[in-house]
C-alpha atoms as a PDB file:
ATOM      1  CA  MET A   1      65.717  61.704 143.121  1.00  0.00           C
ATOM      2  CA  ASN A   2      67.528  63.876 140.550  1.00  0.00           C
ATOM      3  CA  SER A   3      69.340  62.697 137.456  1.00  0.00           C
ATOM      4  CA  ALA A   4      72.787  63.133 139.074  1.00  0.00           C
ATOM      5  CA  THR A   5      71.799  60.761 141.888  1.00  0.00           C
ATOM      6  CA  THR A   6      70.453  58.206 139.408  1.00  0.00           C
ATOM      7  CA  ALA A   7      73.659  58.382 137.348  1.00  0.00           C
ATOM      8  CA  ALA A   8      75.795  57.996 140.489  1.00  0.00           C
ATOM      9  CA  GLU A   9      73.997  54.782 141.380  1.00  0.00           C
ATOM     10  CA  THR A  10      74.757  53.172 137.995  1.00  0.00           C
ATOM     11  CA  ALA A  11      78.261  54.566 137.369  1.00  0.00           C
ATOM     12  CA  VAL A  12      81.406  52.932 138.738  1.00  0.00           C
ATOM     13  CA  PRO A  13      83.161  55.081 141.381  1.00  0.00           C
ATOM     14  CA  LEU A  14      86.760  55.921 140.625  1.00  0.00           C
ATOM     15  CA  LEU A  15      87.668  58.721 143.040  1.00  0.00           C
ATOM     16  CA  ALA A  16      85.888  59.643 146.279  1.00  0.00           C
ATOM     17  CA  VAL A  17      86.854  62.919 147.939  1.00  0.00           C
ATOM     18  CA  GLU A  18      85.429  63.312 151.449  1.00  0.00           C
ATOM     19  CA  HIS A  19      85.608  66.477 153.563  1.00  0.00           C
ATOM     20  CA  LEU A  20      88.767  67.759 151.908  1.00  0.00           C
ATOM     21  CA  THR A  21      90.181  70.829 153.641  1.00  0.00           C
ATOM     22  CA  MET A  22      93.437  72.601 152.808  1.00  0.00           C
ATOM     23  CA  ARG A  23      94.730  75.400 155.026  1.00  0.00           C
ATOM     24  CA  PHE A  24      97.708  77.677 154.468  1.00  0.00           C
ATOM     25  CA  GLY A  25      98.197  79.278 157.859  1.00  0.00           C
ATOM     26  CA  GLY A  26      95.031  81.273 158.471  1.00  0.00           C
ATOM     27  CA  LEU A  27      93.847  80.942 154.861  1.00  0.00           C
ATOM     28  CA  ILE A  28      91.409  78.142 154.056  1.00  0.00           C
ATOM     29  CA  ALA A  29      91.869  77.455 150.333  1.00  0.00           C
ATOM     30  CA  VAL A  30      89.573  74.399 150.230  1.00  0.00           C
ATOM     31  CA  ASP A  31      86.860  74.078 152.841  1.00  0.00           C
ATOM     32  CA  ASP A  32      85.182  70.705 153.548  1.00  0.00           C
ATOM     33  CA  VAL A  33      84.742  69.678 149.886  1.00  0.00           C
ATOM     34  CA  SER A  34      83.305  66.266 148.993  1.00  0.00           C
ATOM     35  CA  PHE A  35      82.574  64.776 145.567  1.00  0.00           C
ATOM     36  CA  THR A  36      82.866  61.582 143.558  1.00  0.00           C
ATOM     37  CA  ALA A  37      84.314  61.086 140.068  1.00  0.00           C
ATOM     38  CA  TYR A  38      83.448  58.062 137.967  1.00  0.00           C
ATOM     39  CA  ARG A  39      85.006  55.819 135.375  1.00  0.00           C
ATOM     40  CA  ASP A  40      84.082  56.563 131.772  1.00  0.00           C
ATOM     41  CA  GLU A  41      82.957  60.064 132.743  1.00  0.00           C
ATOM     42  CA  ILE A  42      84.253  63.604 132.399  1.00  0.00           C
ATOM     43  CA  THR A  43      83.888  65.479 135.694  1.00  0.00           C
ATOM     44  CA  ALA A  44      84.438  69.231 135.519  1.00  0.00           C
ATOM     45  CA  ILE A  45      85.435  71.418 138.459  1.00  0.00           C
ATOM     46  CA  ILE A  46      84.543  75.052 137.796  1.00  0.00           C
ATOM     47  CA  GLY A  47      84.474  78.261 139.796  1.00  0.00           C
ATOM     48  CA  PRO A  48      85.726  81.852 139.818  1.00  0.00           C
ATOM     49  CA  ASN A  49      89.441  82.571 140.050  1.00  0.00           C
ATOM     50  CA  GLY A  50      90.719  81.729 143.524  1.00  0.00           C
ATOM     51  CA  ALA A  51      87.908  79.246 144.215  1.00  0.00           C
ATOM     52  CA  GLY A  52      90.357  76.458 145.140  1.00  0.00           C
ATOM     53  CA  LYS A  53      90.167  74.340 141.985  1.00  0.00           C
ATOM     54  CA  THR A  54      93.896  73.882 141.379  1.00  0.00           C
ATOM     55  CA  THR A  55      94.456  73.355 145.105  1.00  0.00           C
ATOM     56  CA  VAL A  56      92.111  70.350 144.875  1.00  0.00           C
ATOM     57  CA  PHE A  57      94.239  68.996 142.009  1.00  0.00           C
ATOM     58  CA  ASN A  58      97.429  69.594 143.996  1.00  0.00           C
ATOM     59  CA  CYS A  59      96.019  67.610 146.913  1.00  0.00           C
ATOM     60  CA  LEU A  60      94.977  64.733 144.643  1.00  0.00           C
ATOM     61  CA  THR A  61      98.342  64.530 142.897  1.00  0.00           C
ATOM     62  CA  GLY A  62     100.580  64.841 145.947  1.00  0.00           C
ATOM     63  CA  PHE A  63     101.850  68.408 145.613  1.00  0.00           C
ATOM     64  CA  TYR A  64     100.036  69.268 148.856  1.00  0.00           C
ATOM     65  CA  ARG A  65      99.233  67.094 151.856  1.00  0.00           C
ATOM     66  CA  PRO A  66      95.609  67.895 152.825  1.00  0.00           C
ATOM     67  CA  SER A  67      94.993  69.435 156.225  1.00  0.00           C
ATOM     68  CA  THR A  68      92.055  67.058 156.700  1.00  0.00           C
ATOM     69  CA  GLY A  69      89.965  64.794 154.523  1.00  0.00           C
ATOM     70  CA  ARG A  70      89.910  61.420 152.805  1.00  0.00           C
ATOM     71  CA  LEU A  71      90.993  60.919 149.179  1.00  0.00           C
ATOM     72  CA  ALA A  72      90.115  57.393 148.057  1.00  0.00           C
ATOM     73  CA  MET A  73      91.155  56.123 144.620  1.00  0.00           C
ATOM     74  CA  HIS A  74      89.587  52.850 143.469  1.00  0.00           C
ATOM     75  CA  LYS A  75      92.025  50.896 141.317  1.00  0.00           C
ATOM     76  CA  ASN A  76      91.939  47.207 140.387  1.00  0.00           C
ATOM     77  CA  GLY A  77      89.650  46.368 143.292  1.00  0.00           C
ATOM     78  CA  GLU A  78      91.884  48.166 145.792  1.00  0.00           C
ATOM     79  CA  ILE A  79      91.128  51.403 147.635  1.00  0.00           C
ATOM     80  CA  LEU A  80      94.178  53.651 147.775  1.00  0.00           C
ATOM     81  CA  ARG A  81      94.272  56.533 150.257  1.00  0.00           C
ATOM     82  CA  LEU A  82      96.029  59.255 148.304  1.00  0.00           C
ATOM     83  CA  GLU A  83      96.709  61.427 151.336  1.00  0.00           C
ATOM     84  CA  ARG A  84      98.829  58.577 152.752  1.00  0.00           C
ATOM     85  CA  ILE A  85     100.930  58.001 149.614  1.00  0.00           C
ATOM     86  CA  GLU A  86     104.138  59.911 149.006  1.00  0.00           C
ATOM     87  CA  GLY A  87     103.514  62.460 146.280  1.00  0.00           C
ATOM     88  CA  PHE A  88     106.055  61.115 143.797  1.00  0.00           C
ATOM     89  CA  ARG A  89     104.481  57.635 143.999  1.00  0.00           C
ATOM     90  CA  ILE A  90     100.884  58.656 143.237  1.00  0.00           C
ATOM     91  CA  ALA A  91     101.176  58.613 139.440  1.00  0.00           C
ATOM     92  CA  ARG A  92     102.474  55.039 139.366  1.00  0.00           C
ATOM     93  CA  ARG A  93     100.615  53.480 142.297  1.00  0.00           C
ATOM     94  CA  ALA A  94      97.243  55.182 141.916  1.00  0.00           C
ATOM     95  CA  GLY A  95      97.297  55.714 138.162  1.00  0.00           C
ATOM     96  CA  ILE A  96      96.709  59.478 138.271  1.00  0.00           C
ATOM     97  CA  ALA A  97      98.292  61.733 135.657  1.00  0.00           C
ATOM     98  CA  ARG A  98      97.875  65.481 135.234  1.00  0.00           C
ATOM     99  CA  THR A  99      98.610  68.512 133.118  1.00  0.00           C
ATOM    100  CA  PHE A 100      99.144  72.064 134.357  1.00  0.00           C
ATOM    101  CA  GLN A 101      97.730  75.542 133.779  1.00  0.00           C
ATOM    102  CA  ASN A 102     101.105  76.587 132.374  1.00  0.00           C
ATOM    103  CA  ILE A 103     102.549  74.136 129.873  1.00  0.00           C
ATOM    104  CA  ARG A 104     105.385  72.103 131.393  1.00  0.00           C
ATOM    105  CA  LEU A 105     106.833  70.181 128.483  1.00  0.00           C
ATOM    106  CA  PHE A 106     110.539  69.472 128.159  1.00  0.00           C
ATOM    107  CA  ALA A 107     111.176  72.321 125.730  1.00  0.00           C
ATOM    108  CA  GLY A 108     114.561  71.030 124.551  1.00  0.00           C
ATOM    109  CA  MET A 109     113.238  67.553 123.733  1.00  0.00           C
ATOM    110  CA  THR A 110     111.311  66.545 120.641  1.00  0.00           C
ATOM    111  CA  GLY A 111     107.639  65.668 120.769  1.00  0.00           C
ATOM    112  CA  LEU A 112     108.514  61.980 120.508  1.00  0.00           C
ATOM    113  CA  GLU A 113     111.085  62.216 123.298  1.00  0.00           C
ATOM    114  CA  ASN A 114     108.587  63.959 125.580  1.00  0.00           C
ATOM    115  CA  LEU A 115     106.225  60.990 125.221  1.00  0.00           C
ATOM    116  CA  ILE A 116     108.976  58.410 125.712  1.00  0.00           C
ATOM    117  CA  VAL A 117     110.275  60.061 128.876  1.00  0.00           C
ATOM    118  CA  ALA A 118     106.741  59.819 130.326  1.00  0.00           C
ATOM    119  CA  GLN A 119     107.280  56.029 130.270  1.00  0.00           C
ATOM    120  CA  HIS A 120     110.392  56.280 132.431  1.00  0.00           C
ATOM    121  CA  ASN A 121     109.144  53.893 135.140  1.00  0.00           C
ATOM    122  CA  PRO A 122     108.512  50.823 132.953  1.00  0.00           C
ATOM    123  CA  LEU A 123     111.705  51.497 131.011  1.00  0.00           C
ATOM    124  CA  MET A 124     113.782  51.696 134.170  1.00  0.00           C
ATOM    125  CA  LYS A 125     112.232  48.476 135.444  1.00  0.00           C
ATOM    126  CA  ALA A 126     112.970  46.705 132.159  1.00  0.00           C
ATOM    127  CA  SER A 127     116.550  47.988 132.192  1.00  0.00           C
ATOM    128  CA  GLY A 128     117.214  46.546 135.640  1.00  0.00           C
ATOM    129  CA  PHE A 129     117.860  50.156 136.648  1.00  0.00           C
ATOM    130  CA  SER A 130     120.362  50.703 133.814  1.00  0.00           C
ATOM    131  CA  LEU A 131     122.313  47.408 133.612  1.00  0.00           C
ATOM    132  CA  ALA A 132     120.098  45.739 130.981  1.00  0.00           C
ATOM    133  CA  GLY A 133     119.928  49.004 129.082  1.00  0.00           C
ATOM    134  CA  LEU A 134     123.687  49.397 129.002  1.00  0.00           C
ATOM    135  CA  LEU A 135     124.107  45.818 127.784  1.00  0.00           C
ATOM    136  CA  GLY A 136     121.232  46.064 125.314  1.00  0.00           C
ATOM    137  CA  LEU A 137     119.514  42.958 126.637  1.00  0.00           C
ATOM    138  CA  PRO A 138     116.399  41.741 124.781  1.00  0.00           C
ATOM    139  CA  ARG A 139     113.946  42.602 127.546  1.00  0.00           C
ATOM    140  CA  TYR A 140     115.064  46.224 127.495  1.00  0.00           C
ATOM    141  CA  ARG A 141     115.017  46.466 123.702  1.00  0.00           C
ATOM    142  CA  SER A 142     111.471  45.075 123.758  1.00  0.00           C
ATOM    143  CA  ALA A 143     110.344  47.588 126.384  1.00  0.00           C
ATOM    144  CA  GLU A 144     111.998  50.434 124.486  1.00  0.00           C
ATOM    145  CA  GLN A 145     110.241  49.450 121.267  1.00  0.00           C
ATOM    146  CA  ALA A 146     106.901  49.285 123.092  1.00  0.00           C
ATOM    147  CA  ALA A 147     107.498  52.768 124.512  1.00  0.00           C
ATOM    148  CA  VAL A 148     108.254  54.183 121.065  1.00  0.00           C
ATOM    149  CA  GLU A 149     105.149  52.524 119.621  1.00  0.00           C
ATOM    150  CA  ARG A 150     102.952  53.949 122.363  1.00  0.00           C
ATOM    151  CA  ALA A 151     104.468  57.386 121.853  1.00  0.00           C
ATOM    152  CA  ARG A 152     103.869  57.227 118.103  1.00  0.00           C
ATOM    153  CA  HIS A 153     100.289  56.046 118.721  1.00  0.00           C
ATOM    154  CA  TRP A 154      99.513  59.146 120.763  1.00  0.00           C
ATOM    155  CA  LEU A 155     101.321  61.432 118.336  1.00  0.00           C
ATOM    156  CA  ASP A 156      99.026  60.070 115.649  1.00  0.00           C
ATOM    157  CA  ARG A 157      95.952  60.524 117.864  1.00  0.00           C
ATOM    158  CA  ILE A 158      96.746  64.202 118.457  1.00  0.00           C
ATOM    159  CA  GLY A 159      97.734  64.890 114.857  1.00  0.00           C
ATOM    160  CA  LEU A 160     101.454  65.468 115.417  1.00  0.00           C
ATOM    161  CA  THR A 161     103.005  62.486 113.646  1.00  0.00           C
ATOM    162  CA  ASP A 162     104.571  64.733 111.011  1.00  0.00           C
ATOM    163  CA  ARG A 163     106.127  66.889 113.751  1.00  0.00           C
ATOM    164  CA  ALA A 164     107.395  64.066 115.967  1.00  0.00           C
ATOM    165  CA  ASP A 165     110.987  65.290 115.612  1.00  0.00           C
ATOM    166  CA  TRP A 166     110.223  68.959 116.232  1.00  0.00           C
ATOM    167  CA  LEU A 167     111.448  70.415 119.512  1.00  0.00           C
ATOM    168  CA  ALA A 168     108.501  70.888 121.858  1.00  0.00           C
ATOM    169  CA  ALA A 169     109.323  74.586 122.195  1.00  0.00           C
ATOM    170  CA  SER A 170     108.971  75.091 118.430  1.00  0.00           C
ATOM    171  CA  LEU A 171     105.440  73.643 118.229  1.00  0.00           C
ATOM    172  CA  PRO A 172     102.420  75.961 118.004  1.00  0.00           C
ATOM    173  CA  TYR A 173     100.694  76.671 121.303  1.00  0.00           C
ATOM    174  CA  GLY A 174      97.670  74.470 120.612  1.00  0.00           C
ATOM    175  CA  ALA A 175      99.928  71.585 119.587  1.00  0.00           C
ATOM    176  CA  GLN A 176     101.897  71.947 122.833  1.00  0.00           C
ATOM    177  CA  ARG A 177      98.622  71.675 124.776  1.00  0.00           C
ATOM    178  CA  ARG A 178      97.734  68.446 122.969  1.00  0.00           C
ATOM    179  CA  LEU A 179     101.251  67.084 123.426  1.00  0.00           C
ATOM    180  CA  GLU A 180     101.070  67.627 127.178  1.00  0.00           C
ATOM    181  CA  ILE A 181      97.795  65.685 127.307  1.00  0.00           C
ATOM    182  CA  ALA A 182      99.371  62.885 125.251  1.00  0.00           C
ATOM    183  CA  ARG A 183     102.374  62.780 127.586  1.00  0.00           C
ATOM    184  CA  ALA A 184     100.056  62.275 130.556  1.00  0.00           C
ATOM    185  CA  LEU A 185      98.223  59.513 128.682  1.00  0.00           C
ATOM    186  CA  CYS A 186     101.497  57.695 127.952  1.00  0.00           C
ATOM    187  CA  THR A 187     101.650  56.826 131.656  1.00  0.00           C
ATOM    188  CA  GLY A 188      98.503  54.703 131.229  1.00  0.00           C
ATOM    189  CA  PRO A 189      96.396  56.524 133.844  1.00  0.00           C
ATOM    190  CA  ALA A 190      93.088  55.466 135.344  1.00  0.00           C
ATOM    191  CA  LEU A 191      92.313  59.131 136.087  1.00  0.00           C
ATOM    192  CA  LEU A 192      93.462  61.992 133.876  1.00  0.00           C
ATOM    193  CA  CYS A 193      93.486  65.424 135.574  1.00  0.00           C
ATOM    194  CA  LEU A 194      93.510  68.369 133.166  1.00  0.00           C
ATOM    195  CA  ASP A 195      94.072  71.869 134.542  1.00  0.00           C
ATOM    196  CA  GLU A 196      92.626  74.411 132.082  1.00  0.00           C
ATOM    197  CA  PRO A 197      93.511  72.510 128.886  1.00  0.00           C
ATOM    198  CA  ALA A 198      91.580  75.006 126.712  1.00  0.00           C
ATOM    199  CA  ALA A 199      93.385  78.072 128.100  1.00  0.00           C
ATOM    200  CA  GLY A 200      94.669  80.195 125.243  1.00  0.00           C
ATOM    201  CA  LEU A 201      93.034  78.104 122.516  1.00  0.00           C
ATOM    202  CA  ASN A 202      90.991  79.632 119.734  1.00  0.00           C
ATOM    203  CA  PRO A 203      87.416  78.358 119.028  1.00  0.00           C
ATOM    204  CA  ARG A 204      88.588  75.843 116.407  1.00  0.00           C
ATOM    205  CA  GLU A 205      91.243  74.442 118.737  1.00  0.00           C
ATOM    206  CA  SER A 206      88.715  74.260 121.586  1.00  0.00           C
ATOM    207  CA  ALA A 207      86.354  72.256 119.373  1.00  0.00           C
ATOM    208  CA  GLU A 208      89.208  69.892 118.461  1.00  0.00           C
ATOM    209  CA  LEU A 209      90.024  69.530 122.164  1.00  0.00           C
ATOM    210  CA  ASN A 210      86.395  68.572 122.860  1.00  0.00           C
ATOM    211  CA  GLU A 211      86.570  65.851 120.220  1.00  0.00           C
ATOM    212  CA  LEU A 212      89.880  64.561 121.588  1.00  0.00           C
ATOM    213  CA  LEU A 213      88.639  64.337 125.183  1.00  0.00           C
ATOM    214  CA  LEU A 214      85.399  62.638 124.166  1.00  0.00           C
ATOM    215  CA  SER A 215      87.355  60.072 122.144  1.00  0.00           C
ATOM    216  CA  ILE A 216      89.732  59.450 125.064  1.00  0.00           C
ATOM    217  CA  ARG A 217      86.790  58.853 127.385  1.00  0.00           C
ATOM    218  CA  ALA A 218      85.140  56.459 124.929  1.00  0.00           C
ATOM    219  CA  GLU A 219      88.206  54.524 123.797  1.00  0.00           C
ATOM    220  CA  GLU A 220      90.471  54.493 126.854  1.00  0.00           C
ATOM    221  CA  ARG A 221      87.607  53.949 129.341  1.00  0.00           C
ATOM    222  CA  ILE A 222      89.225  56.188 131.951  1.00  0.00           C
ATOM    223  CA  GLY A 223      87.927  58.977 134.160  1.00  0.00           C
ATOM    224  CA  ILE A 224      88.753  62.579 133.309  1.00  0.00           C
ATOM    225  CA  LEU A 225      88.803  65.342 135.920  1.00  0.00           C
ATOM    226  CA  LEU A 226      88.738  68.737 134.259  1.00  0.00           C
ATOM    227  CA  ILE A 227      89.313  72.290 135.502  1.00  0.00           C
ATOM    228  CA  GLU A 228      88.172  74.727 132.863  1.00  0.00           C
ATOM    229  CA  HIS A 229      87.022  78.334 132.425  1.00  0.00           C
ATOM    230  CA  ASP A 230      85.698  77.867 128.884  1.00  0.00           C
ATOM    231  CA  MET A 231      82.009  77.079 129.362  1.00  0.00           C
ATOM    232  CA  SER A 232      81.603  75.860 125.776  1.00  0.00           C
ATOM    233  CA  VAL A 233      84.046  73.074 126.702  1.00  0.00           C
ATOM    234  CA  VAL A 234      82.562  72.360 130.135  1.00  0.00           C
ATOM    235  CA  MET A 235      78.929  72.298 129.058  1.00  0.00           C
ATOM    236  CA  GLY A 236      79.705  70.550 125.788  1.00  0.00           C
ATOM    237  CA  ILE A 237      81.530  67.447 127.082  1.00  0.00           C
ATOM    238  CA  SER A 238      81.056  67.090 130.860  1.00  0.00           C
ATOM    239  CA  ASP A 239      78.913  64.376 132.411  1.00  0.00           C
ATOM    240  CA  HIS A 240      79.165  65.873 135.883  1.00  0.00           C
ATOM    241  CA  VAL A 241      80.002  69.377 137.095  1.00  0.00           C
ATOM    242  CA  ILE A 242      81.192  70.534 140.528  1.00  0.00           C
ATOM    243  CA  VAL A 243      81.200  74.249 141.343  1.00  0.00           C
ATOM    244  CA  LEU A 244      83.504  75.792 143.950  1.00  0.00           C
ATOM    245  CA  ASP A 245      83.346  79.321 145.344  1.00  0.00           C
ATOM    246  CA  TYR A 246      85.721  80.632 148.024  1.00  0.00           C
ATOM    247  CA  GLY A 247      86.914  77.081 148.621  1.00  0.00           C
ATOM    248  CA  ARG A 248      83.458  75.617 149.287  1.00  0.00           C
ATOM    249  CA  LYS A 249      81.313  73.436 147.046  1.00  0.00           C
ATOM    250  CA  ILE A 250      78.134  75.299 146.068  1.00  0.00           C
ATOM    251  CA  ALA A 251      76.750  72.957 143.394  1.00  0.00           C
ATOM    252  CA  ASP A 252      77.159  69.379 142.177  1.00  0.00           C
ATOM    253  CA  GLY A 253      75.179  67.824 139.335  1.00  0.00           C
ATOM    254  CA  THR A 254      74.688  67.543 135.595  1.00  0.00           C
ATOM    255  CA  PRO A 255      75.598  70.491 133.365  1.00  0.00           C
ATOM    256  CA  ALA A 256      71.917  71.381 132.972  1.00  0.00           C
ATOM    257  CA  GLU A 257      71.326  71.337 136.732  1.00  0.00           C
ATOM    258  CA  VAL A 258      74.417  73.395 137.504  1.00  0.00           C
ATOM    259  CA  ARG A 259      73.668  75.917 134.778  1.00  0.00           C
ATOM    260  CA  ALA A 260      70.289  76.668 136.342  1.00  0.00           C
ATOM    261  CA  ASP A 261      71.428  76.663 139.983  1.00  0.00           C
ATOM    262  CA  PRO A 262      70.785  80.057 141.669  1.00  0.00           C
ATOM    263  CA  GLU A 263      73.942  79.738 143.776  1.00  0.00           C
ATOM    264  CA  VAL A 264      76.050  79.270 140.663  1.00  0.00           C
ATOM    265  CA  ILE A 265      74.451  82.252 138.933  1.00  0.00           C
ATOM    266  CA  ARG A 266      74.991  84.344 142.058  1.00  0.00           C
ATOM    267  CA  ALA A 267      78.671  83.321 142.244  1.00  0.00           C
ATOM    268  CA  TYR A 268      79.354  84.507 138.695  1.00  0.00           C
ATOM    269  CA  LEU A 269      76.852  87.280 138.084  1.00  0.00           C
ATOM    270  CA  GLY A 270      76.721  88.833 141.544  1.00  0.00           C
ATOM    271  CA  GLU A 271      73.996  89.022 144.177  1.00  0.00           C
ATOM    272  CA  ASP A 272      72.365  92.124 142.712  1.00  0.00           C
ATOM    273  CA  ASP A 273      71.913  90.461 139.331  1.00  0.00           C
ATOM    274  CA  VAL A 274      69.978  87.461 140.659  1.00  0.00           C
ATOM    275  CA  ASP A 275      66.227  88.102 140.849  1.00  0.00           C
ATOM    276  CA  GLY A 276      64.834  84.656 140.183  1.00  0.00           C
ATOM    277  CA  SER A 277      64.703  85.055 136.400  1.00  0.00           C
ATOM    278  CA  ALA A 278      67.111  84.418 133.557  1.00  0.00           C
ATOM    279  CA  ALA A 279      66.864  87.989 132.251  1.00  0.00           C
ATOM    280  CA  PRO A 280      70.196  89.239 133.684  1.00  0.00           C
ATOM    281  CA  ALA A 281      71.970  86.192 132.343  1.00  0.00           C
ATOM    282  CA  LYS A 282      70.405  86.664 128.922  1.00  0.00           C
ATOM    283  CA  ALA A 283      71.413  90.309 128.869  1.00  0.00           C
ATOM    284  CA  VAL A 284      75.040  89.381 129.480  1.00  0.00           C
ATOM    285  CA  ALA A 285      74.897  86.510 126.995  1.00  0.00           C
ATOM    286  CA  GLN A 286      73.576  88.718 124.183  1.00  0.00           C
ATOM    287  CA  GLN A 287      76.750  90.796 124.388  1.00  0.00           C
ATOM    288  CA  GLN A 288      78.965  87.746 123.789  1.00  0.00           C
ATOM    289  CA  PRO A 289      79.771  85.761 120.612  1.00  0.00           C
ATOM    290  CA  GLN A 290      77.238  82.997 119.929  1.00  0.00           C
ATOM    291  CA  GLU A 291      77.984  79.720 121.739  1.00  0.00           C
ATOM    292  CA  PRO A 292      76.876  76.266 120.508  1.00  0.00           C
ATOM    293  CA  ALA A 293      73.106  75.788 120.657  1.00  0.00           C
ATOM    294  CA  ALA A 294      73.399  73.189 123.411  1.00  0.00           C
ATOM    295  CA  VAL A 295      74.671  75.859 125.811  1.00  0.00           C
ATOM    296  CA  SER A 296      71.879  77.912 127.379  1.00  0.00           C
ATOM    297  CA  SER A 297      71.870  81.674 127.819  1.00  0.00           C
ATOM    298  CA  GLN A 298      72.865  81.253 131.457  1.00  0.00           C
ATOM    299  CA  GLY A 299      75.734  79.007 130.377  1.00  0.00           C
ATOM    300  CA  GLN A 300      76.821  81.706 127.942  1.00  0.00           C
ATOM    301  CA  ALA A 301      76.661  84.294 130.699  1.00  0.00           C
ATOM    302  CA  LEU A 302      78.773  82.164 133.021  1.00  0.00           C
ATOM    303  CA  GLY A 303      81.237  81.595 130.189  1.00  0.00           C
ATOM    304  CA  SER A 304      81.485  85.301 129.481  1.00  0.00           C
ATOM    305  CA  ARG A 305      82.109  86.099 133.134  1.00  0.00           C
ATOM    306  CA  PHE A 306      84.856  83.475 133.224  1.00  0.00           C
ATOM    307  CA  ARG A 307      86.574  85.009 130.229  1.00  0.00           C
ATOM    308  CA  GLU A 308      86.332  88.484 131.710  1.00  0.00           C
ATOM    309  CA  ASN A 309      87.831  87.440 135.041  1.00  0.00           C
ATOM    310  CA  ASP A 310      90.424  84.915 133.890  1.00  0.00           C
ATOM    311  CA  GLY A 311      93.869  86.452 134.364  1.00  0.00           C
END
């Protein structure tokens, strides 16, 4: 029994994906993929460009209806079948929030307003769908104050309290990335899905992102599902890694297990470079800037190949 199996037996399941397939006409973007994500864990989904990673996210969050498969979200003792829920209801009913590869903030709103608008559902409920809000009834004023307090809490957590009134479009790129994560967290999710949150960040910003995600996992006690090309992020914070290639799952385990998996090395380094030793990986790694010591030479090689291919 490997360490991933042992961990799975003790961890609490949050999301179970079974035989997920997504077809677009004759193209199979995701092919019979199964995996489980757990509470209090960071699960990374990695793979070359076009491997089907974002398509998996789109199926989980209701942008696509899967061709086949079962998507089971465990929430408050209830099992919710995501493929049967209307897409616009998934965030509220299943407690799943996400960010996107390309930042999708409300550019003309301030940072504070972006976080308040994420709490639209509870505010609308408190307003009696506008009547209580128009009349300024106490229950709405109380809900509005709670929304502002939650927004300010997350602005403080991501280090943007002093820029709360800046327009989102005027914030630096790294700050916009953090703000989008905070906006997702303002919905109070059980599962946070992050699509390439480190894209475009410099090494210092990536390190700060690592610290933020680890603190969210520890303090919010939620599951995090992460798509990422930066191997220093993946190998540095993930509890569990799933590898996709051409829409199929080729590896599933701890970062150490995945890093050493021949199929993973073959997917990134090419068939000709795999000869049963780590020499090819080391040769590639030596040409790249030094990664943290916890990341092996093969992890560095995979990270370098990601950066070369990421368009």
